[in-house]
């Protein structure tokens, strides 16, 4: 049996494919948004200037570069509404991520300790909500949390409340929507980390006299930390920029960056300010990703 030798050009092409994909679908759009964020609002098409005119040669390039400034970033960083939106976004995303972790960890732990024949069914039950449109699921929560919705009717039927609770159009509804929507993103990496754990480590801890709760904190939880970090990032990062959930389930006092970005773009027609908000939000969210990569690299070096 003969094996075909891979040519050097094929290897380079295989390595270049992901970089080309990221460059075309991430770097190029980001550079366009960055360029718009350094421009000025005008009543024209496109609604910003300066616009690069290559027909004028170097003169056009110099005029384009000279017209760029940081005015939009200074406006965003000095505006109380945007600062309050950023703070509230981080607070809501942090609290939601902690709630998701508290709910998702027992679910993932139970899945990892379930019989092998049952694990695929449990995994399918976690993935199943993704088969339904995200928007439809959020609309369903509007009906559940409404004043005359299913939740209030159920609570009144069992006698827990006399008057309907005002849940919809509050921050509580936003927390419920985020926790429900992003729970699978926490459960899946946690399950992957717990499912790979060697059970003999728990047996050794028990032989050394450690009670179950101590074995969990000293053995299980430390080994599941990569899943905890990965799941937390997968929930926290999109929750900070969430738009659909606060717009549909939140009230007028629910200020989040995604909602403010949409307001600037669609209502105020300010492409430049909304682009500056998007760039700043991306810059803030890159930090946790870099920290996670650094932690993972150090853990890999210690393991090797």
C-alpha atoms as a PDB file:
ATOM      1  CA  UNK A   1       0.000   0.000   0.000  1.00  0.00           C
ATOM      2  CA  UNK A   2       1.475   3.362  -1.024  1.00  0.00           C
ATOM      3  CA  UNK A   3       0.923   6.695   0.680  1.00  0.00           C
ATOM      4  CA  UNK A   4       0.922   9.970  -1.187  1.00  0.00           C
ATOM      5  CA  UNK A   5       3.459  12.504   0.023  1.00  0.00           C
ATOM      6  CA  UNK A   6       1.909  15.858   0.850  1.00  0.00           C
ATOM      7  CA  UNK A   7       3.459  18.687  -1.129  1.00  0.00           C
ATOM      8  CA  UNK A   8       4.814  21.720   0.796  1.00  0.00           C
ATOM      9  CA  UNK A   9       2.359  24.004  -0.977  1.00  0.00           C
ATOM     10  CA  UNK A  10      -0.606  21.941   0.215  1.00  0.00           C
ATOM     11  CA  UNK A  11       0.537  22.174   3.833  1.00  0.00           C
ATOM     12  CA  UNK A  12       0.943  25.937   3.597  1.00  0.00           C
ATOM     13  CA  UNK A  13      -2.505  26.239   2.015  1.00  0.00           C
ATOM     14  CA  UNK A  14      -4.075  24.165   4.805  1.00  0.00           C
ATOM     15  CA  UNK A  15      -2.430  26.378   7.427  1.00  0.00           C
ATOM     16  CA  UNK A  16      -3.401  29.567   5.604  1.00  0.00           C
ATOM     17  CA  UNK A  17      -7.106  28.644   5.269  1.00  0.00           C
ATOM     18  CA  UNK A  18      -8.163  29.577   8.836  1.00  0.00           C
ATOM     19  CA  UNK A  19      -6.153  32.811   8.705  1.00  0.00           C
ATOM     20  CA  UNK A  20      -7.778  33.751   5.405  1.00  0.00           C
ATOM     21  CA  UNK A  21     -11.195  33.006   6.892  1.00  0.00           C
ATOM     22  CA  UNK A  22     -10.513  35.169   9.979  1.00  0.00           C
ATOM     23  CA  UNK A  23      -8.997  37.920   7.869  1.00  0.00           C
ATOM     24  CA  UNK A  24     -11.964  38.094   5.492  1.00  0.00           C
ATOM     25  CA  UNK A  25     -14.824  37.653   7.964  1.00  0.00           C
ATOM     26  CA  UNK A  26     -13.351  39.312  11.086  1.00  0.00           C
ATOM     27  CA  UNK A  27     -10.359  41.548  10.420  1.00  0.00           C
ATOM     28  CA  UNK A  28     -11.718  43.248   7.283  1.00  0.00           C
ATOM     29  CA  UNK A  29     -15.135  44.113   8.829  1.00  0.00           C
ATOM     30  CA  UNK A  30     -13.403  45.269  12.008  1.00  0.00           C
ATOM     31  CA  UNK A  31     -11.150  47.620  10.032  1.00  0.00           C
ATOM     32  CA  UNK A  32     -14.203  49.051   8.268  1.00  0.00           C
ATOM     33  CA  UNK A  33     -15.950  49.659  11.605  1.00  0.00           C
ATOM     34  CA  UNK A  34     -12.739  51.160  13.029  1.00  0.00           C
ATOM     35  CA  UNK A  35     -12.484  53.526  10.065  1.00  0.00           C
ATOM     36  CA  UNK A  36     -16.109  54.636  10.495  1.00  0.00           C
ATOM     37  CA  UNK A  37     -15.559  55.193  14.231  1.00  0.00           C
ATOM     38  CA  UNK A  38     -12.779  57.682  13.389  1.00  0.00           C
ATOM     39  CA  UNK A  39     -14.980  59.625  10.953  1.00  0.00           C
ATOM     40  CA  UNK A  40     -17.587  62.406  11.332  1.00  0.00           C
ATOM     41  CA  UNK A  41     -21.377  62.314  10.919  1.00  0.00           C
ATOM     42  CA  UNK A  42     -22.717  64.037   7.802  1.00  0.00           C
ATOM     43  CA  UNK A  43     -26.078  64.135   6.050  1.00  0.00           C
ATOM     44  CA  UNK A  44     -25.017  62.235   2.971  1.00  0.00           C
ATOM     45  CA  UNK A  45     -24.578  58.765   1.607  1.00  0.00           C
ATOM     46  CA  UNK A  46     -22.612  57.224   3.252  1.00  0.00           C
ATOM     47  CA  UNK A  47     -23.522  59.190   6.406  1.00  0.00           C
ATOM     48  CA  UNK A  48     -19.932  59.844   7.477  1.00  0.00           C
ATOM     49  CA  UNK A  49     -16.734  61.455   6.287  1.00  0.00           C
ATOM     50  CA  UNK A  50     -13.896  61.352   5.379  1.00  0.00           C
ATOM     51  CA  UNK A  51     -14.265  58.740   2.655  1.00  0.00           C
ATOM     52  CA  UNK A  52     -11.166  57.319   0.996  1.00  0.00           C
ATOM     53  CA  UNK A  53     -10.969  58.397  -2.660  1.00  0.00           C
ATOM     54  CA  UNK A  54      -8.223  56.435  -4.378  1.00  0.00           C
ATOM     55  CA  UNK A  55      -8.880  58.294  -7.626  1.00  0.00           C
ATOM     56  CA  UNK A  56      -7.055  61.310  -6.164  1.00  0.00           C
ATOM     57  CA  UNK A  57      -3.946  59.272  -5.449  1.00  0.00           C
ATOM     58  CA  UNK A  58      -1.704  60.239  -2.526  1.00  0.00           C
ATOM     59  CA  UNK A  59      -3.549  63.516  -2.101  1.00  0.00           C
ATOM     60  CA  UNK A  60      -6.753  61.630  -1.475  1.00  0.00           C
ATOM     61  CA  UNK A  61      -5.013  59.319   1.010  1.00  0.00           C
ATOM     62  CA  UNK A  62      -3.478  62.268   2.898  1.00  0.00           C
ATOM     63  CA  UNK A  63      -6.848  64.036   3.036  1.00  0.00           C
ATOM     64  CA  UNK A  64      -8.485  60.849   4.317  1.00  0.00           C
ATOM     65  CA  UNK A  65      -5.908  60.307   7.076  1.00  0.00           C
ATOM     66  CA  UNK A  66      -5.986  63.995   8.070  1.00  0.00           C
ATOM     67  CA  UNK A  67      -9.760  63.861   8.547  1.00  0.00           C
ATOM     68  CA  UNK A  68      -9.654  60.977  11.039  1.00  0.00           C
ATOM     69  CA  UNK A  69      -9.790  61.774  14.763  1.00  0.00           C
ATOM     70  CA  UNK A  70     -10.762  60.334  18.147  1.00  0.00           C
ATOM     71  CA  UNK A  71     -13.720  62.666  18.761  1.00  0.00           C
ATOM     72  CA  UNK A  72     -16.291  59.848  18.834  1.00  0.00           C
ATOM     73  CA  UNK A  73     -14.298  57.908  21.427  1.00  0.00           C
ATOM     74  CA  UNK A  74     -13.956  61.007  23.607  1.00  0.00           C
ATOM     75  CA  UNK A  75     -17.710  61.569  23.309  1.00  0.00           C
ATOM     76  CA  UNK A  76     -18.551  57.985  24.265  1.00  0.00           C
ATOM     77  CA  UNK A  77     -16.102  57.893  27.195  1.00  0.00           C
ATOM     78  CA  UNK A  78     -17.412  61.224  28.497  1.00  0.00           C
ATOM     79  CA  UNK A  79     -21.140  60.540  28.084  1.00  0.00           C
ATOM     80  CA  UNK A  80     -22.941  59.458  31.268  1.00  0.00           C
ATOM     81  CA  UNK A  81     -25.487  57.337  29.404  1.00  0.00           C
ATOM     82  CA  UNK A  82     -22.830  55.221  27.718  1.00  0.00           C
ATOM     83  CA  UNK A  83     -20.817  54.858  30.918  1.00  0.00           C
ATOM     84  CA  UNK A  84     -23.932  53.812  32.828  1.00  0.00           C
ATOM     85  CA  UNK A  85     -24.829  51.387  30.030  1.00  0.00           C
ATOM     86  CA  UNK A  86     -21.346  49.869  30.145  1.00  0.00           C
ATOM     87  CA  UNK A  87     -21.463  49.503  33.933  1.00  0.00           C
ATOM     88  CA  UNK A  88     -24.953  47.997  33.898  1.00  0.00           C
ATOM     89  CA  UNK A  89     -23.985  45.633  31.075  1.00  0.00           C
ATOM     90  CA  UNK A  90     -21.003  44.336  33.047  1.00  0.00           C
ATOM     91  CA  UNK A  91     -23.064  43.975  36.237  1.00  0.00           C
ATOM     92  CA  UNK A  92     -25.920  42.153  34.515  1.00  0.00           C
ATOM     93  CA  UNK A  93     -23.524  39.908  32.575  1.00  0.00           C
ATOM     94  CA  UNK A  94     -21.509  39.086  35.715  1.00  0.00           C
ATOM     95  CA  UNK A  95     -24.529  38.261  37.887  1.00  0.00           C
ATOM     96  CA  UNK A  96     -26.126  36.268  35.069  1.00  0.00           C
ATOM     97  CA  UNK A  97     -22.908  34.281  34.540  1.00  0.00           C
ATOM     98  CA  UNK A  98     -22.713  33.437  38.258  1.00  0.00           C
ATOM     99  CA  UNK A  99     -26.348  32.288  38.260  1.00  0.00           C
ATOM    100  CA  UNK A 100     -25.737  30.215  35.131  1.00  0.00           C
ATOM    101  CA  UNK A 101     -22.692  28.629  36.780  1.00  0.00           C
ATOM    102  CA  UNK A 102     -24.651  27.768  39.936  1.00  0.00           C
ATOM    103  CA  UNK A 103     -27.398  26.152  37.850  1.00  0.00           C
ATOM    104  CA  UNK A 104     -25.226  24.639  35.126  1.00  0.00           C
ATOM    105  CA  UNK A 105     -22.607  22.972  37.325  1.00  0.00           C
ATOM    106  CA  UNK A 106     -25.018  20.516  39.039  1.00  0.00           C
ATOM    107  CA  UNK A 107     -26.579  19.736  35.644  1.00  0.00           C
ATOM    108  CA  UNK A 108     -23.203  19.025  34.053  1.00  0.00           C
ATOM    109  CA  UNK A 109     -22.069  17.044  37.109  1.00  0.00           C
ATOM    110  CA  UNK A 110     -25.204  14.906  36.990  1.00  0.00           C
ATOM    111  CA  UNK A 111     -24.740  14.297  33.256  1.00  0.00           C
ATOM    112  CA  UNK A 112     -21.102  13.275  33.759  1.00  0.00           C
ATOM    113  CA  UNK A 113     -22.077  10.832  36.541  1.00  0.00           C
ATOM    114  CA  UNK A 114     -25.090   9.376  34.692  1.00  0.00           C
ATOM    115  CA  UNK A 115     -24.871   5.895  33.105  1.00  0.00           C
ATOM    116  CA  UNK A 116     -23.067   5.891  29.759  1.00  0.00           C
ATOM    117  CA  UNK A 117     -26.197   4.798  27.890  1.00  0.00           C
ATOM    118  CA  UNK A 118     -28.129   7.785  29.258  1.00  0.00           C
ATOM    119  CA  UNK A 119     -25.525  10.486  28.589  1.00  0.00           C
ATOM    120  CA  UNK A 120     -26.315  10.972  24.863  1.00  0.00           C
ATOM    121  CA  UNK A 121     -29.981  11.560  25.700  1.00  0.00           C
ATOM    122  CA  UNK A 122     -29.093  14.106  28.395  1.00  0.00           C
ATOM    123  CA  UNK A 123     -26.698  15.818  26.020  1.00  0.00           C
ATOM    124  CA  UNK A 124     -29.414  15.977  23.385  1.00  0.00           C
ATOM    125  CA  UNK A 125     -31.800  17.519  25.924  1.00  0.00           C
ATOM    126  CA  UNK A 126     -29.284  20.330  26.531  1.00  0.00           C
ATOM    127  CA  UNK A 127     -28.732  20.951  22.816  1.00  0.00           C
ATOM    128  CA  UNK A 128     -32.410  20.646  21.858  1.00  0.00           C
ATOM    129  CA  UNK A 129     -33.360  24.318  22.533  1.00  0.00           C
ATOM    130  CA  UNK A 130     -30.908  25.382  19.805  1.00  0.00           C
ATOM    131  CA  UNK A 131     -33.244  23.754  17.276  1.00  0.00           C
ATOM    132  CA  UNK A 132     -35.714  26.582  17.900  1.00  0.00           C
ATOM    133  CA  UNK A 133     -35.100  30.162  16.854  1.00  0.00           C
ATOM    134  CA  UNK A 134     -33.503  32.303  19.568  1.00  0.00           C
ATOM    135  CA  UNK A 135     -35.962  35.115  18.865  1.00  0.00           C
ATOM    136  CA  UNK A 136     -38.985  32.816  19.186  1.00  0.00           C
ATOM    137  CA  UNK A 137     -37.728  31.543  22.548  1.00  0.00           C
ATOM    138  CA  UNK A 138     -37.370  35.105  23.853  1.00  0.00           C
ATOM    139  CA  UNK A 139     -40.870  35.950  22.598  1.00  0.00           C
ATOM    140  CA  UNK A 140     -42.139  32.877  24.466  1.00  0.00           C
ATOM    141  CA  UNK A 141     -40.725  34.312  27.700  1.00  0.00           C
ATOM    142  CA  UNK A 142     -42.655  37.509  27.049  1.00  0.00           C
ATOM    143  CA  UNK A 143     -45.851  35.466  27.200  1.00  0.00           C
ATOM    144  CA  UNK A 144     -44.698  33.561  30.278  1.00  0.00           C
ATOM    145  CA  UNK A 145     -43.635  36.630  32.281  1.00  0.00           C
ATOM    146  CA  UNK A 146     -46.464  38.964  31.232  1.00  0.00           C
ATOM    147  CA  UNK A 147     -48.877  40.338  33.850  1.00  0.00           C
ATOM    148  CA  UNK A 148     -51.528  37.840  32.759  1.00  0.00           C
ATOM    149  CA  UNK A 149     -48.989  35.298  31.581  1.00  0.00           C
ATOM    150  CA  UNK A 150     -48.496  31.664  32.492  1.00  0.00           C
ATOM    151  CA  UNK A 151     -46.219  32.296  35.500  1.00  0.00           C
ATOM    152  CA  UNK A 152     -48.597  34.710  37.247  1.00  0.00           C
ATOM    153  CA  UNK A 153     -51.570  32.471  36.522  1.00  0.00           C
ATOM    154  CA  UNK A 154     -49.743  29.456  37.983  1.00  0.00           C
ATOM    155  CA  UNK A 155     -48.678  31.368  41.116  1.00  0.00           C
ATOM    156  CA  UNK A 156     -52.215  32.639  41.672  1.00  0.00           C
ATOM    157  CA  UNK A 157     -53.646  29.166  41.100  1.00  0.00           C
ATOM    158  CA  UNK A 158     -51.546  27.674  43.912  1.00  0.00           C
ATOM    159  CA  UNK A 159     -52.281  30.644  46.189  1.00  0.00           C
ATOM    160  CA  UNK A 160     -48.768  32.083  46.450  1.00  0.00           C
ATOM    161  CA  UNK A 161     -49.829  35.550  45.262  1.00  0.00           C
ATOM    162  CA  UNK A 162     -53.058  37.550  45.196  1.00  0.00           C
ATOM    163  CA  UNK A 163     -52.064  40.165  42.635  1.00  0.00           C
ATOM    164  CA  UNK A 164     -50.028  39.596  39.459  1.00  0.00           C
ATOM    165  CA  UNK A 165     -46.316  40.263  39.743  1.00  0.00           C
ATOM    166  CA  UNK A 166     -44.693  42.865  37.514  1.00  0.00           C
ATOM    167  CA  UNK A 167     -41.875  40.783  36.061  1.00  0.00           C
ATOM    168  CA  UNK A 168     -41.859  41.698  32.384  1.00  0.00           C
ATOM    169  CA  UNK A 169     -40.054  44.941  31.474  1.00  0.00           C
ATOM    170  CA  UNK A 170     -37.769  44.683  34.513  1.00  0.00           C
ATOM    171  CA  UNK A 171     -34.155  43.667  35.058  1.00  0.00           C
ATOM    172  CA  UNK A 172     -35.406  40.442  36.642  1.00  0.00           C
ATOM    173  CA  UNK A 173     -36.880  39.433  33.279  1.00  0.00           C
ATOM    174  CA  UNK A 174     -33.540  40.223  31.616  1.00  0.00           C
ATOM    175  CA  UNK A 175     -31.738  37.934  34.073  1.00  0.00           C
ATOM    176  CA  UNK A 176     -34.250  35.165  33.415  1.00  0.00           C
ATOM    177  CA  UNK A 177     -33.870  35.527  29.652  1.00  0.00           C
ATOM    178  CA  UNK A 178     -30.055  35.542  29.742  1.00  0.00           C
ATOM    179  CA  UNK A 179     -29.833  32.596  32.140  1.00  0.00           C
ATOM    180  CA  UNK A 180     -32.234  30.532  30.052  1.00  0.00           C
ATOM    181  CA  UNK A 181     -30.645  31.417  26.715  1.00  0.00           C
ATOM    182  CA  UNK A 182     -26.990  30.894  27.685  1.00  0.00           C
ATOM    183  CA  UNK A 183     -27.289  27.946  30.073  1.00  0.00           C
ATOM    184  CA  UNK A 184     -26.261  25.361  27.419  1.00  0.00           C
ATOM    185  CA  UNK A 185     -23.047  27.318  26.772  1.00  0.00           C
ATOM    186  CA  UNK A 186     -22.100  26.690  30.406  1.00  0.00           C
ATOM    187  CA  UNK A 187     -23.266  23.091  30.641  1.00  0.00           C
ATOM    188  CA  UNK A 188     -21.451  21.781  27.545  1.00  0.00           C
ATOM    189  CA  UNK A 189     -17.844  22.790  28.445  1.00  0.00           C
ATOM    190  CA  UNK A 190     -18.430  21.799  32.070  1.00  0.00           C
ATOM    191  CA  UNK A 191     -19.708  18.405  30.979  1.00  0.00           C
ATOM    192  CA  UNK A 192     -16.698  17.923  28.710  1.00  0.00           C
ATOM    193  CA  UNK A 193     -14.325  18.691  31.601  1.00  0.00           C
ATOM    194  CA  UNK A 194     -16.133  16.548  34.171  1.00  0.00           C
ATOM    195  CA  UNK A 195     -16.675  13.633  31.811  1.00  0.00           C
ATOM    196  CA  UNK A 196     -12.902  13.295  31.230  1.00  0.00           C
ATOM    197  CA  UNK A 197     -12.085  13.247  34.940  1.00  0.00           C
ATOM    198  CA  UNK A 198     -10.474  10.082  36.317  1.00  0.00           C
ATOM    199  CA  UNK A 199     -12.792   8.550  38.924  1.00  0.00           C
ATOM    200  CA  UNK A 200      -9.891   6.807  40.628  1.00  0.00           C
ATOM    201  CA  UNK A 201      -8.822  10.191  42.007  1.00  0.00           C
ATOM    202  CA  UNK A 202     -12.043  10.369  44.015  1.00  0.00           C
ATOM    203  CA  UNK A 203     -11.508   6.803  45.214  1.00  0.00           C
ATOM    204  CA  UNK A 204      -8.001   7.728  46.366  1.00  0.00           C
ATOM    205  CA  UNK A 205      -9.350  10.771  48.210  1.00  0.00           C
ATOM    206  CA  UNK A 206     -11.958   8.598  49.941  1.00  0.00           C
ATOM    207  CA  UNK A 207      -9.279   6.038  50.918  1.00  0.00           C
ATOM    208  CA  UNK A 208      -7.291   8.876  52.496  1.00  0.00           C
ATOM    209  CA  UNK A 209     -10.297   9.784  54.646  1.00  0.00           C
ATOM    210  CA  UNK A 210     -11.685  12.781  52.744  1.00  0.00           C
ATOM    211  CA  UNK A 211     -15.482  13.169  53.022  1.00  0.00           C
ATOM    212  CA  UNK A 212     -17.452  13.632  49.759  1.00  0.00           C
ATOM    213  CA  UNK A 213     -17.711  17.426  50.071  1.00  0.00           C
ATOM    214  CA  UNK A 214     -13.966  17.728  50.631  1.00  0.00           C
ATOM    215  CA  UNK A 215     -13.211  15.433  47.696  1.00  0.00           C
ATOM    216  CA  UNK A 216     -15.364  17.675  45.531  1.00  0.00           C
ATOM    217  CA  UNK A 217     -13.572  20.908  46.516  1.00  0.00           C
ATOM    218  CA  UNK A 218     -10.067  19.443  46.465  1.00  0.00           C
ATOM    219  CA  UNK A 219     -10.343  17.129  43.449  1.00  0.00           C
ATOM    220  CA  UNK A 220     -13.432  17.589  41.270  1.00  0.00           C
ATOM    221  CA  UNK A 221     -13.747  21.369  41.218  1.00  0.00           C
ATOM    222  CA  UNK A 222     -10.043  22.132  40.519  1.00  0.00           C
ATOM    223  CA  UNK A 223     -10.029  19.634  37.649  1.00  0.00           C
ATOM    224  CA  UNK A 224     -13.174  21.226  36.202  1.00  0.00           C
ATOM    225  CA  UNK A 225     -11.772  24.778  36.290  1.00  0.00           C
ATOM    226  CA  UNK A 226     -10.968  24.827  32.534  1.00  0.00           C
ATOM    227  CA  UNK A 227     -14.641  24.072  31.861  1.00  0.00           C
ATOM    228  CA  UNK A 228     -15.745  26.702  34.390  1.00  0.00           C
ATOM    229  CA  UNK A 229     -13.560  29.367  32.764  1.00  0.00           C
ATOM    230  CA  UNK A 230     -14.559  28.414  29.213  1.00  0.00           C
ATOM    231  CA  UNK A 231     -18.269  28.320  30.067  1.00  0.00           C
ATOM    232  CA  UNK A 232     -18.079  31.625  31.948  1.00  0.00           C
ATOM    233  CA  UNK A 233     -16.428  33.346  28.986  1.00  0.00           C
ATOM    234  CA  UNK A 234     -18.950  31.849  26.560  1.00  0.00           C
ATOM    235  CA  UNK A 235     -21.765  33.302  28.690  1.00  0.00           C
ATOM    236  CA  UNK A 236     -20.242  36.577  29.904  1.00  0.00           C
ATOM    237  CA  UNK A 237     -18.906  37.899  26.582  1.00  0.00           C
ATOM    238  CA  UNK A 238     -22.146  37.702  24.534  1.00  0.00           C
ATOM    239  CA  UNK A 239     -24.231  38.760  27.552  1.00  0.00           C
ATOM    240  CA  UNK A 240     -22.341  42.071  27.771  1.00  0.00           C
ATOM    241  CA  UNK A 241     -23.340  42.969  24.210  1.00  0.00           C
ATOM    242  CA  UNK A 242     -26.814  41.412  24.336  1.00  0.00           C
ATOM    243  CA  UNK A 243     -29.505  43.395  22.517  1.00  0.00           C
ATOM    244  CA  UNK A 244     -32.536  41.182  21.881  1.00  0.00           C
ATOM    245  CA  UNK A 245     -33.160  40.127  25.494  1.00  0.00           C
ATOM    246  CA  UNK A 246     -32.965  43.595  27.134  1.00  0.00           C
ATOM    247  CA  UNK A 247     -34.956  45.100  24.274  1.00  0.00           C
ATOM    248  CA  UNK A 248     -37.828  42.585  24.493  1.00  0.00           C
ATOM    249  CA  UNK A 249     -37.801  41.629  28.185  1.00  0.00           C
ATOM    250  CA  UNK A 250     -36.253  44.716  29.795  1.00  0.00           C
ATOM    251  CA  UNK A 251     -37.768  48.086  30.552  1.00  0.00           C
ATOM    252  CA  UNK A 252     -36.850  51.655  29.740  1.00  0.00           C
ATOM    253  CA  UNK A 253     -34.401  51.727  32.668  1.00  0.00           C
ATOM    254  CA  UNK A 254     -32.517  48.689  31.350  1.00  0.00           C
ATOM    255  CA  UNK A 255     -29.436  50.285  29.841  1.00  0.00           C
ATOM    256  CA  UNK A 256     -27.087  47.867  28.099  1.00  0.00           C
ATOM    257  CA  UNK A 257     -24.420  48.513  25.492  1.00  0.00           C
ATOM    258  CA  UNK A 258     -26.079  46.425  22.795  1.00  0.00           C
ATOM    259  CA  UNK A 259     -29.302  48.375  23.200  1.00  0.00           C
ATOM    260  CA  UNK A 260     -27.498  51.724  23.162  1.00  0.00           C
ATOM    261  CA  UNK A 261     -25.517  50.709  20.097  1.00  0.00           C
ATOM    262  CA  UNK A 262     -28.722  49.859  18.249  1.00  0.00           C
ATOM    263  CA  UNK A 263     -30.295  53.160  19.331  1.00  0.00           C
ATOM    264  CA  UNK A 264     -27.368  55.169  17.996  1.00  0.00           C
ATOM    265  CA  UNK A 265     -27.353  53.271  14.713  1.00  0.00           C
ATOM    266  CA  UNK A 266     -31.065  53.018  13.909  1.00  0.00           C
ATOM    267  CA  UNK A 267     -32.692  55.935  15.774  1.00  0.00           C
ATOM    268  CA  UNK A 268     -30.012  58.621  15.929  1.00  0.00           C
ATOM    269  CA  UNK A 269     -28.507  57.510  12.599  1.00  0.00           C
ATOM    270  CA  UNK A 270     -25.013  57.997  13.996  1.00  0.00           C
ATOM    271  CA  UNK A 271     -22.873  55.340  12.368  1.00  0.00           C
ATOM    272  CA  UNK A 272     -19.709  56.885  13.767  1.00  0.00           C
ATOM    273  CA  UNK A 273     -20.729  56.833  17.447  1.00  0.00           C
ATOM    274  CA  UNK A 274     -22.223  53.333  17.206  1.00  0.00           C
ATOM    275  CA  UNK A 275     -19.002  52.118  15.549  1.00  0.00           C
ATOM    276  CA  UNK A 276     -16.957  53.674  18.364  1.00  0.00           C
ATOM    277  CA  UNK A 277     -19.135  51.870  20.920  1.00  0.00           C
ATOM    278  CA  UNK A 278     -18.634  48.584  19.054  1.00  0.00           C
ATOM    279  CA  UNK A 279     -14.847  49.021  18.940  1.00  0.00           C
ATOM    280  CA  UNK A 280     -14.643  49.909  22.637  1.00  0.00           C
ATOM    281  CA  UNK A 281     -16.855  46.968  23.556  1.00  0.00           C
ATOM    282  CA  UNK A 282     -14.649  44.619  21.535  1.00  0.00           C
ATOM    283  CA  UNK A 283     -11.506  46.030  23.166  1.00  0.00           C
ATOM    284  CA  UNK A 284     -12.954  45.429  26.635  1.00  0.00           C
ATOM    285  CA  UNK A 285     -14.068  41.877  25.838  1.00  0.00           C
ATOM    286  CA  UNK A 286     -10.730  40.861  24.313  1.00  0.00           C
ATOM    287  CA  UNK A 287      -9.152  41.209  27.769  1.00  0.00           C
ATOM    288  CA  UNK A 288     -10.859  38.155  29.365  1.00  0.00           C
ATOM    289  CA  UNK A 289     -10.058  36.072  26.280  1.00  0.00           C
ATOM    290  CA  UNK A 290      -6.349  36.929  26.471  1.00  0.00           C
ATOM    291  CA  UNK A 291      -6.314  36.170  30.208  1.00  0.00           C
ATOM    292  CA  UNK A 292      -7.946  32.780  29.579  1.00  0.00           C
ATOM    293  CA  UNK A 293      -5.437  31.943  26.857  1.00  0.00           C
ATOM    294  CA  UNK A 294      -2.576  32.900  29.177  1.00  0.00           C
ATOM    295  CA  UNK A 295      -3.949  30.675  31.947  1.00  0.00           C
ATOM    296  CA  UNK A 296      -4.416  27.798  29.509  1.00  0.00           C
ATOM    297  CA  UNK A 297      -0.867  28.187  28.178  1.00  0.00           C
ATOM    298  CA  UNK A 298       0.599  28.153  31.686  1.00  0.00           C
ATOM    299  CA  UNK A 299      -1.462  25.084  32.617  1.00  0.00           C
ATOM    300  CA  UNK A 300      -0.231  23.319  29.480  1.00  0.00           C
ATOM    301  CA  UNK A 301       3.390  24.177  30.315  1.00  0.00           C
ATOM    302  CA  UNK A 302       2.990  22.835  33.844  1.00  0.00           C
ATOM    303  CA  UNK A 303       1.396  19.671  32.503  1.00  0.00           C
ATOM    304  CA  UNK A 304       4.164  19.073  30.007  1.00  0.00           C
END
